Amino acid sequence: PAASACAPSSQEICDNQLDDDCDGIVNEPDACDDCSETCFCEDGSCAELVDIDASVLTVCVVTAGGNVWCWGRNNAGQVGVPGFQNELRPRRADQVTGVRDIEVGTQFTCALKTDQTVVCWGSNGSGQLGDDGNVDVSVSPVQVLDSSNTALEGISKIVAGTSFACALRSNDGSVLCWGDLVGDGQTGGSPFAVATRRLWTSAEKRGNLSEPR
């Protein structure tokens, strides 16, 4: 822009999506020179990465501050930003904070938070967001619920598949899943987290156990 229309406000700041020094380039590499190869530039400063995952053309990372940045295919909101346009560079996922672990499925993403609850965003066509089918698609995080319609709690690990996700509960070692593959032995899927059912082993059958664990 002409000098009369735009005056530099400061030196360029990394990753604020503004042309701070008014040179026609946003987020030029010089703005992030202080970041090492093991760091990620967040809000103008260097942030350590603590987790990363990827699925079909979508990648997400978690910074030490608990924020999530994603890029790639965003046709169902799996990057976590409005607009459903594919993102060629990392974008911070909308309203997602306090995260320690990230899992990227096909057209959806789930995050394990530091309070041991789980949120997901993206496509919900198979119940893979775990919110009891309350939304069809969401670019913002929705809470994963259990069978009593309360927030899934006490989770230590999550994984995501094509159209389902599972969580390991820390207090009893149980596995709960939601989406189109839940392993409960009764249904083909569930829009909220249900406990999986483990099959008897041969030894357990010989012991005449009445119930699988």
Protein backbone atom coordinates (compact mmCIF):
# COMPACT_ATOMS: atom_id res chain seq x y z
CA PRO A 1 0.00 0.00 0.00
CA ALA A 2 0.97 3.65 -0.41
CA ALA A 3 2.86 5.21 2.49
CA SER A 4 -0.01 7.60 3.12
CA ALA A 5 -2.42 4.69 3.54
CA CYS A 6 -0.32 2.39 5.68
CA ALA A 7 2.49 3.14 8.08
CA PRO A 8 4.58 0.43 9.76
CA SER A 9 3.38 -0.15 13.31
CA SER A 10 6.38 -2.19 14.39
CA GLN A 11 8.72 -4.88 13.23
CA GLU A 12 7.06 -8.00 11.87
CA ILE A 13 5.52 -10.28 14.51
CA CYS A 14 5.37 -13.98 13.84
CA ASP A 15 2.02 -15.70 13.31
CA ASN A 16 -0.41 -12.91 14.07
CA GLN A 17 -1.68 -12.87 10.44
CA LEU A 18 -0.86 -9.14 10.10
CA ASP A 19 1.66 -7.25 7.94
CA ASP A 20 3.11 -5.37 10.93
CA ASP A 21 6.01 -3.76 9.08
CA CYS A 22 3.83 -2.96 6.04
CA ASP A 23 6.20 -4.48 3.47
CA GLY A 24 3.53 -6.54 1.73
CA ILE A 25 4.63 -9.84 3.31
CA VAL A 26 2.93 -11.52 6.27
CA ASN A 27 4.98 -13.61 8.71
CA GLU A 28 8.25 -13.51 6.79
CA PRO A 29 10.87 -15.99 8.08
CA ASP A 30 12.96 -13.26 9.76
CA ALA A 31 10.20 -12.83 12.34
CA CYS A 32 10.83 -16.33 13.66
CA ASP A 33 14.63 -16.49 13.52
CA ASP A 34 14.89 -16.98 17.27
CA CYS A 35 12.94 -20.24 17.12
CA SER A 36 14.98 -23.42 16.87
CA GLU A 37 14.11 -26.47 14.78
CA THR A 38 12.45 -28.04 17.83
CA CYS A 39 10.21 -25.06 18.56
CA PHE A 40 7.06 -23.62 17.01
CA CYS A 41 6.26 -19.93 16.76
CA GLU A 42 3.09 -19.06 18.71
CA ASP A 43 1.91 -15.51 19.44
CA GLY A 44 5.26 -14.06 18.52
CA SER A 45 7.34 -16.34 20.72
CA CYS A 46 8.79 -19.83 20.56
CA ALA A 47 6.68 -22.71 21.86
CA GLU A 48 7.84 -26.29 22.34
CA LEU A 49 5.82 -28.99 20.58
CA VAL A 50 4.65 -31.84 22.82
CA ASP A 51 2.50 -34.01 20.53
CA ILE A 52 1.72 -34.55 16.84
CA ASP A 53 -0.64 -36.74 14.80
CA ALA A 54 -1.84 -37.01 11.21
CA SER A 55 -4.51 -38.71 9.14
CA VAL A 56 -5.67 -38.39 5.53
CA LEU A 57 -4.16 -35.03 4.45
CA THR A 58 -4.61 -33.39 7.88
CA VAL A 59 -1.90 -32.80 10.50
CA CYS A 60 -2.20 -31.41 14.04
CA VAL A 61 0.36 -30.50 16.71
CA VAL A 62 0.07 -29.54 20.38
CA THR A 63 2.25 -26.84 21.93
CA ALA A 64 3.51 -26.82 25.50
CA GLY A 65 0.91 -24.15 26.26
CA GLY A 66 -1.88 -26.62 25.46
CA ASN A 67 -2.92 -25.07 22.13
CA VAL A 68 -3.63 -27.05 18.97
CA TRP A 69 -2.44 -26.07 15.48
CA CYS A 70 -3.61 -27.97 12.40
CA TRP A 71 -3.22 -27.76 8.63
CA GLY A 72 -4.27 -29.62 5.50
CA ARG A 73 -7.69 -30.82 4.45
CA ASN A 74 -10.53 -29.00 6.24
CA ASN A 75 -13.61 -30.04 4.28
CA ALA A 76 -15.43 -31.13 7.46
CA GLY A 77 -13.87 -28.64 9.88
CA GLN A 78 -11.21 -31.10 11.09
CA VAL A 79 -8.56 -28.34 11.16
CA GLY A 80 -10.78 -26.54 13.66
CA VAL A 81 -11.18 -23.18 11.90
CA PRO A 82 -14.28 -21.71 10.21
CA GLY A 83 -14.74 -21.68 6.46
CA PHE A 84 -14.07 -25.32 5.55
CA GLN A 85 -11.20 -24.24 3.29
CA ASN A 86 -8.07 -26.35 3.15
CA GLU A 87 -5.22 -24.76 5.10
CA LEU A 88 -1.71 -24.74 3.62
CA ARG A 89 -0.06 -23.56 6.84
CA PRO A 90 -0.76 -24.23 10.53
CA ARG A 91 -3.86 -22.56 11.96
CA ARG A 92 -4.79 -22.51 15.61
CA ALA A 93 -7.84 -24.68 16.28
CA ASP A 94 -10.78 -22.54 17.36
CA GLN A 95 -11.53 -22.51 21.13
CA VAL A 96 -9.30 -25.52 21.84
CA THR A 97 -7.14 -25.01 24.96
CA GLY A 98 -5.57 -27.05 27.74
CA VAL A 99 -4.68 -29.98 25.48
CA ARG A 100 -2.00 -32.61 26.15
CA ASP A 101 -2.66 -35.24 23.44
CA ILE A 102 -4.07 -34.98 19.89
CA GLU A 103 -5.56 -37.67 17.62
CA VAL A 104 -6.58 -37.08 14.00
CA GLY A 105 -9.15 -39.36 12.40
CA THR A 106 -10.66 -39.15 8.93
CA GLN A 107 -12.46 -35.79 8.75
CA PHE A 108 -12.46 -35.33 12.53
CA THR A 109 -10.01 -34.58 15.35
CA CYS A 110 -10.07 -35.39 19.07
CA ALA A 111 -8.03 -33.91 21.90
CA LEU A 112 -7.30 -35.18 25.40
CA LYS A 113 -7.25 -32.25 27.80
CA THR A 114 -5.18 -31.80 30.92
CA ASP A 115 -8.32 -32.24 33.06
CA GLN A 116 -8.64 -35.78 31.57
CA THR A 117 -11.74 -34.98 29.52
CA VAL A 118 -11.98 -35.34 25.74
CA VAL A 119 -13.26 -32.96 23.05
CA CYS A 120 -13.64 -33.54 19.31
CA TRP A 121 -14.44 -31.49 16.21
CA GLY A 122 -15.09 -32.06 12.51
CA SER A 123 -17.53 -34.50 10.90
CA ASN A 124 -20.07 -36.32 13.08
CA GLY A 125 -21.76 -38.46 10.43
CA SER A 126 -20.96 -41.68 12.32
CA GLY A 127 -21.11 -40.27 15.84
CA GLN A 128 -17.32 -39.87 15.95
CA LEU A 129 -17.53 -36.59 17.90
CA GLY A 130 -19.07 -38.50 20.81
CA ASP A 131 -21.60 -35.80 21.74
CA ASP A 132 -24.67 -38.07 21.37
CA GLY A 133 -25.31 -36.80 17.85
CA ASN A 134 -26.11 -33.23 18.87
CA VAL A 135 -24.34 -31.75 15.82
CA ASP A 136 -23.67 -32.91 12.26
CA VAL A 137 -20.43 -30.97 11.82
CA SER A 138 -18.52 -28.72 14.22
CA VAL A 139 -15.39 -26.60 13.70
CA SER A 140 -15.33 -25.91 17.46
CA PRO A 141 -14.70 -28.57 20.12
CA VAL A 142 -17.65 -30.51 21.53
CA GLN A 143 -17.50 -32.54 24.73
CA VAL A 144 -17.38 -36.32 24.44
CA LEU A 145 -20.15 -37.80 26.61
CA ASP A 146 -20.60 -41.17 28.30
CA SER A 147 -23.74 -43.31 28.47
CA SER A 148 -25.16 -41.18 31.30
CA ASN A 149 -24.92 -38.07 29.08
CA THR A 150 -22.16 -36.52 31.21
CA ALA A 151 -18.65 -35.53 30.19
CA LEU A 152 -16.27 -38.44 29.76
CA GLU A 153 -13.73 -38.13 32.60
CA GLY A 154 -10.61 -39.76 34.00
CA ILE A 155 -9.06 -40.45 30.59
CA SER A 156 -5.32 -41.09 30.22
CA LYS A 157 -5.02 -41.96 26.50
CA ILE A 158 -7.05 -41.59 23.29
CA VAL A 159 -6.79 -42.99 19.76
CA ALA A 160 -8.76 -42.22 16.58
CA GLY A 161 -9.60 -44.36 13.56
CA THR A 162 -11.48 -43.75 10.35
CA SER A 163 -14.86 -42.85 11.87
CA PHE A 164 -14.43 -43.80 15.51
CA ALA A 165 -12.31 -43.00 18.56
CA CYS A 166 -11.46 -44.80 21.80
CA ALA A 167 -10.26 -43.74 25.23
CA LEU A 168 -8.45 -45.50 28.08
CA ARG A 169 -9.83 -44.69 31.52
CA SER A 170 -7.08 -44.36 34.12
CA ASN A 171 -8.89 -45.46 37.28
CA ASP A 172 -10.06 -48.90 36.12
CA GLY A 173 -8.23 -49.56 32.84
CA SER A 174 -11.48 -49.74 30.89
CA VAL A 175 -11.71 -48.85 27.20
CA LEU A 176 -14.58 -46.73 25.90
CA CYS A 177 -15.27 -46.01 22.23
CA TRP A 178 -17.63 -43.92 20.15
CA GLY A 179 -18.41 -43.69 16.43
CA ASP A 180 -18.97 -46.57 14.02
CA LEU A 181 -16.75 -49.18 15.72
CA VAL A 182 -17.18 -49.45 19.48
CA GLY A 183 -16.61 -53.12 20.33
CA ASP A 184 -19.48 -53.55 22.75
CA GLY A 185 -20.61 -56.79 21.11
CA GLN A 186 -24.13 -55.51 20.59
CA THR A 187 -24.28 -52.44 18.35
CA GLY A 188 -22.56 -51.35 15.17
CA GLY A 189 -21.76 -47.95 16.62
CA SER A 190 -22.58 -45.32 19.20
CA PRO A 191 -22.77 -41.48 19.19
CA PHE A 192 -21.43 -41.43 22.78
CA ALA A 193 -18.70 -43.33 24.61
CA VAL A 194 -19.58 -46.93 25.55
CA ALA A 195 -17.48 -49.58 27.25
CA THR A 196 -15.96 -52.24 25.02
CA ARG A 197 -16.62 -55.90 25.77
CA ARG A 198 -13.62 -58.23 25.89
CA LEU A 199 -14.12 -61.79 24.61
CA TRP A 200 -13.45 -64.82 26.77
CA THR A 201 -10.11 -66.50 26.33
CA SER A 202 -9.88 -70.30 26.16
CA ALA A 203 -8.50 -70.39 29.71
CA GLU A 204 -11.38 -68.32 31.01
CA LYS A 205 -13.87 -70.61 29.29
CA ARG A 206 -12.28 -73.64 30.92
CA GLY A 207 -12.58 -71.88 34.26
CA ASN A 208 -16.35 -71.57 33.72
CA LEU A 209 -16.33 -67.81 34.27
CA SER A 210 -19.90 -66.57 34.03
CA GLU A 211 -19.16 -63.10 32.72
CA PRO A 212 -16.48 -61.69 30.42
CA ARG A 213 -14.42 -58.91 31.93
